[in-house]
């Protein structure tokens, strides 16, 4: 369920430079992506946006 907040109704995508639980942070580098595990926690910046009511459909990539 989405939280109500000052950013309710807004959405954003994040570059894979920020850890987001359930996604692999690859920094746009396929080799990095291959050698690192899925994030087990979420960046405080992303958490702040989510807690403000934003929804996130997924990461942005240049793969």
C-alpha atoms as a PDB file:
ATOM      1  CA  UNK A   1       0.000   0.000   0.000  1.00  0.00           C
ATOM      2  CA  UNK A   2       1.288   3.471  -0.892  1.00  0.00           C
ATOM      3  CA  UNK A   3       1.800   5.949   1.901  1.00  0.00           C
ATOM      4  CA  UNK A   4       0.020   9.299   1.885  1.00  0.00           C
ATOM      5  CA  UNK A   5       2.481  12.167   1.900  1.00  0.00           C
ATOM      6  CA  UNK A   6       3.641  15.311   0.137  1.00  0.00           C
ATOM      7  CA  UNK A   7       4.779  13.270  -2.877  1.00  0.00           C
ATOM      8  CA  UNK A   8       1.595  11.174  -3.201  1.00  0.00           C
ATOM      9  CA  UNK A   9       0.651  10.568  -6.800  1.00  0.00           C
ATOM     10  CA  UNK A  10       4.196  11.077  -8.054  1.00  0.00           C
ATOM     11  CA  UNK A  11       6.392   8.341  -9.432  1.00  0.00           C
ATOM     12  CA  UNK A  12      10.098   8.081 -10.092  1.00  0.00           C
ATOM     13  CA  UNK A  13      12.659   5.715 -11.499  1.00  0.00           C
ATOM     14  CA  UNK A  14      16.089   5.334  -9.970  1.00  0.00           C
ATOM     15  CA  UNK A  15      19.422   4.777 -11.654  1.00  0.00           C
ATOM     16  CA  UNK A  16      21.111   1.614 -10.481  1.00  0.00           C
ATOM     17  CA  UNK A  17      23.544   3.640  -8.369  1.00  0.00           C
ATOM     18  CA  UNK A  18      21.335   3.343  -5.280  1.00  0.00           C
ATOM     19  CA  UNK A  19      20.714   0.154  -3.327  1.00  0.00           C
ATOM     20  CA  UNK A  20      17.086  -0.915  -3.412  1.00  0.00           C
ATOM     21  CA  UNK A  21      16.124  -4.106  -1.632  1.00  0.00           C
ATOM     22  CA  UNK A  22      15.438  -6.829  -4.175  1.00  0.00           C
ATOM     23  CA  UNK A  23      17.440  -5.225  -7.011  1.00  0.00           C
ATOM     24  CA  UNK A  24      21.102  -5.604  -7.937  1.00  0.00           C
ATOM     25  CA  UNK A  25      23.003  -2.317  -7.852  1.00  0.00           C
ATOM     26  CA  UNK A  26      25.135  -2.381 -10.988  1.00  0.00           C
ATOM     27  CA  UNK A  27      26.177   1.255 -11.502  1.00  0.00           C
ATOM     28  CA  UNK A  28      25.660   0.748 -15.240  1.00  0.00           C
ATOM     29  CA  UNK A  29      28.516  -1.754 -15.334  1.00  0.00           C
ATOM     30  CA  UNK A  30      27.575  -5.258 -16.546  1.00  0.00           C
ATOM     31  CA  UNK A  31      30.653  -6.825 -14.909  1.00  0.00           C
ATOM     32  CA  UNK A  32      29.809  -5.218 -11.554  1.00  0.00           C
ATOM     33  CA  UNK A  33      26.251  -6.471 -11.939  1.00  0.00           C
ATOM     34  CA  UNK A  34      27.490 -10.028 -12.553  1.00  0.00           C
ATOM     35  CA  UNK A  35      29.684 -10.069  -9.449  1.00  0.00           C
ATOM     36  CA  UNK A  36      27.422  -8.468  -6.832  1.00  0.00           C
ATOM     37  CA  UNK A  37      24.444  -9.772  -4.934  1.00  0.00           C
ATOM     38  CA  UNK A  38      20.912  -8.412  -4.795  1.00  0.00           C
ATOM     39  CA  UNK A  39      20.629  -5.561  -2.274  1.00  0.00           C
ATOM     40  CA  UNK A  40      19.227  -6.553   1.110  1.00  0.00           C
ATOM     41  CA  UNK A  41      18.419  -2.989   2.176  1.00  0.00           C
ATOM     42  CA  UNK A  42      17.323   0.261   0.572  1.00  0.00           C
ATOM     43  CA  UNK A  43      19.236   3.543   0.352  1.00  0.00           C
ATOM     44  CA  UNK A  44      18.032   6.225   2.819  1.00  0.00           C
ATOM     45  CA  UNK A  45      17.435   8.586  -0.132  1.00  0.00           C
ATOM     46  CA  UNK A  46      15.095   6.126  -1.847  1.00  0.00           C
ATOM     47  CA  UNK A  47      13.389   5.356   1.469  1.00  0.00           C
ATOM     48  CA  UNK A  48      12.709   9.078   1.978  1.00  0.00           C
ATOM     49  CA  UNK A  49      11.018   9.314  -1.409  1.00  0.00           C
ATOM     50  CA  UNK A  50       8.914   6.230  -0.721  1.00  0.00           C
ATOM     51  CA  UNK A  51       7.970   7.476   2.738  1.00  0.00           C
ATOM     52  CA  UNK A  52       6.916  10.769   1.120  1.00  0.00           C
ATOM     53  CA  UNK A  53       4.358   8.849  -0.927  1.00  0.00           C
ATOM     54  CA  UNK A  54       6.164   8.319  -4.257  1.00  0.00           C
ATOM     55  CA  UNK A  55       5.750   5.076  -6.104  1.00  0.00           C
ATOM     56  CA  UNK A  56       8.584   3.433  -7.967  1.00  0.00           C
ATOM     57  CA  UNK A  57       7.921   1.239 -11.010  1.00  0.00           C
ATOM     58  CA  UNK A  58      11.554   0.051 -11.135  1.00  0.00           C
ATOM     59  CA  UNK A  59      15.108   1.013 -11.966  1.00  0.00           C
ATOM     60  CA  UNK A  60      16.380   2.855 -15.018  1.00  0.00           C
ATOM     61  CA  UNK A  61      19.240   1.113 -16.823  1.00  0.00           C
ATOM     62  CA  UNK A  62      21.464   1.605 -19.832  1.00  0.00           C
ATOM     63  CA  UNK A  63      22.035  -2.105 -20.387  1.00  0.00           C
END
